[in-house]
Amino acid sequence: MVKKKRTVIWDTPAVDDLKEIYDYIKMDSLQAAQNVKSEILATTKILSSNPELFAVDLLKENNDGSNRAFFIYSYRIAYKITDDNILILRIRHTSREPEEY
């Protein structure tokens, strides 16, 4: 059976989160900022063909299994699997208090 490839779509808050992270890290090191951004983007790209790669998001209330999350460096990336897409929802530093969603 061939797995269906989905389109990865970044929700506006997640795009804003990534930009803020990049700008913050860049104040200390441009190379580090580029590395973090590149790794996050590369990992989210993999989700298009393997959306269930990461664990179910335990912080999402009433999660039917379609909400998942993973960690890169000290950042938690939350995403949702739909029939056709992978929606990147948010990126948060693990030291920040999680928000309910």
Protein backbone atom coordinates (compact mmCIF):
# COMPACT_ATOMS: atom_id res chain seq x y z
CA MET A 1 0.00 0.00 0.00
CA VAL A 2 1.34 3.40 -1.01
CA LYS A 3 1.11 6.07 1.66
CA LYS A 4 -0.58 9.30 0.67
CA LYS A 5 1.75 12.28 0.61
CA ARG A 6 0.32 15.34 2.32
CA THR A 7 1.09 19.03 1.89
CA VAL A 8 2.79 20.75 4.83
CA ILE A 9 1.09 24.07 5.60
CA TRP A 10 2.36 26.53 8.19
CA ASP A 11 -0.32 28.29 10.23
CA THR A 12 0.37 32.02 10.63
CA PRO A 13 1.18 31.79 14.37
CA ALA A 14 3.78 29.08 13.64
CA VAL A 15 5.40 31.23 10.95
CA ASP A 16 5.53 34.13 13.41
CA ASP A 17 6.98 31.82 16.09
CA LEU A 18 9.76 30.63 13.77
CA LYS A 19 10.63 34.19 12.78
CA GLU A 20 10.79 35.30 16.44
CA ILE A 21 12.99 32.32 17.33
CA TYR A 22 15.31 33.01 14.41
CA ASP A 23 15.58 36.72 15.24
CA TYR A 24 16.24 35.99 18.92
CA ILE A 25 18.97 33.43 18.29
CA LYS A 26 20.50 35.59 15.56
CA MET A 27 21.30 38.27 18.15
CA ASP A 28 23.94 35.88 19.53
CA SER A 29 24.82 33.78 16.48
CA LEU A 30 23.67 33.95 12.87
CA GLN A 31 24.98 30.43 12.26
CA ALA A 32 23.07 29.00 15.23
CA ALA A 33 19.88 30.75 14.07
CA GLN A 34 20.28 29.30 10.58
CA ASN A 35 20.94 25.82 11.99
CA VAL A 36 17.84 25.84 14.18
CA LYS A 37 15.63 27.16 11.39
CA SER A 38 17.03 24.67 8.87
CA GLU A 39 16.52 21.70 11.14
CA ILE A 40 12.95 22.70 11.99
CA LEU A 41 12.10 23.19 8.31
CA ALA A 42 13.76 19.93 7.24
CA THR A 43 11.95 17.94 9.93
CA THR A 44 8.55 19.43 9.11
CA LYS A 45 9.14 18.61 5.44
CA ILE A 46 9.57 14.92 6.35
CA LEU A 47 6.06 14.96 7.82
CA SER A 48 4.51 15.13 4.33
CA SER A 49 5.34 11.48 3.73
CA ASN A 50 5.45 10.26 7.33
CA PRO A 51 2.94 12.29 9.39
CA GLU A 52 2.73 9.81 12.26
CA LEU A 53 6.49 9.87 12.83
CA PHE A 54 6.10 11.66 16.17
CA ALA A 55 4.03 10.95 19.26
CA VAL A 56 0.48 12.06 19.91
CA ASP A 57 0.39 15.51 21.54
CA LEU A 58 -0.49 14.89 25.19
CA LEU A 59 -1.02 18.62 25.82
CA LYS A 60 -3.91 18.80 23.35
CA GLU A 61 -7.24 18.30 25.07
CA ASN A 62 -9.66 15.84 23.44
CA ASN A 63 -6.98 14.76 20.99
CA ASP A 64 -8.22 12.12 18.57
CA GLY A 65 -4.63 11.29 17.63
CA SER A 66 -4.38 13.78 14.81
CA ASN A 67 -2.50 16.33 16.92
CA ARG A 68 1.15 15.46 17.41
CA ALA A 69 4.33 17.14 18.60
CA PHE A 70 8.09 16.79 18.48
CA PHE A 71 11.16 18.53 19.87
CA ILE A 72 14.17 20.08 18.15
CA TYR A 73 16.79 21.57 20.40
CA SER A 74 14.66 23.23 23.08
CA TYR A 75 11.66 23.87 20.84
CA ARG A 76 8.38 21.99 20.78
CA ILE A 77 6.67 21.90 17.39
CA ALA A 78 2.96 21.03 17.39
CA TYR A 79 1.15 19.91 14.25
CA LYS A 80 -2.16 18.46 13.11
CA ILE A 81 -2.70 15.70 10.56
CA THR A 82 -5.67 16.12 8.22
CA ASP A 83 -6.73 13.99 5.24
CA ASP A 84 -4.75 16.13 2.80
CA ASN A 85 -2.39 18.28 4.86
CA ILE A 86 -0.05 18.58 7.78
CA LEU A 87 -0.75 21.85 9.56
CA ILE A 88 2.16 23.23 11.60
CA LEU A 89 0.37 24.94 14.48
CA ARG A 90 3.00 26.45 16.78
CA ILE A 91 6.57 26.42 17.98
CA ARG A 92 7.33 27.11 21.62
CA HIS A 93 10.47 27.03 23.69
CA THR A 94 10.22 24.23 26.23
CA SER A 95 10.94 26.63 29.10
CA ARG A 96 7.70 28.49 28.36
CA GLU A 97 4.45 27.46 29.99
CA PRO A 98 2.35 25.42 27.51
CA GLU A 99 -0.89 26.91 26.27
CA GLU A 100 -4.06 24.91 26.00
CA TYR A 101 -5.40 24.58 22.50
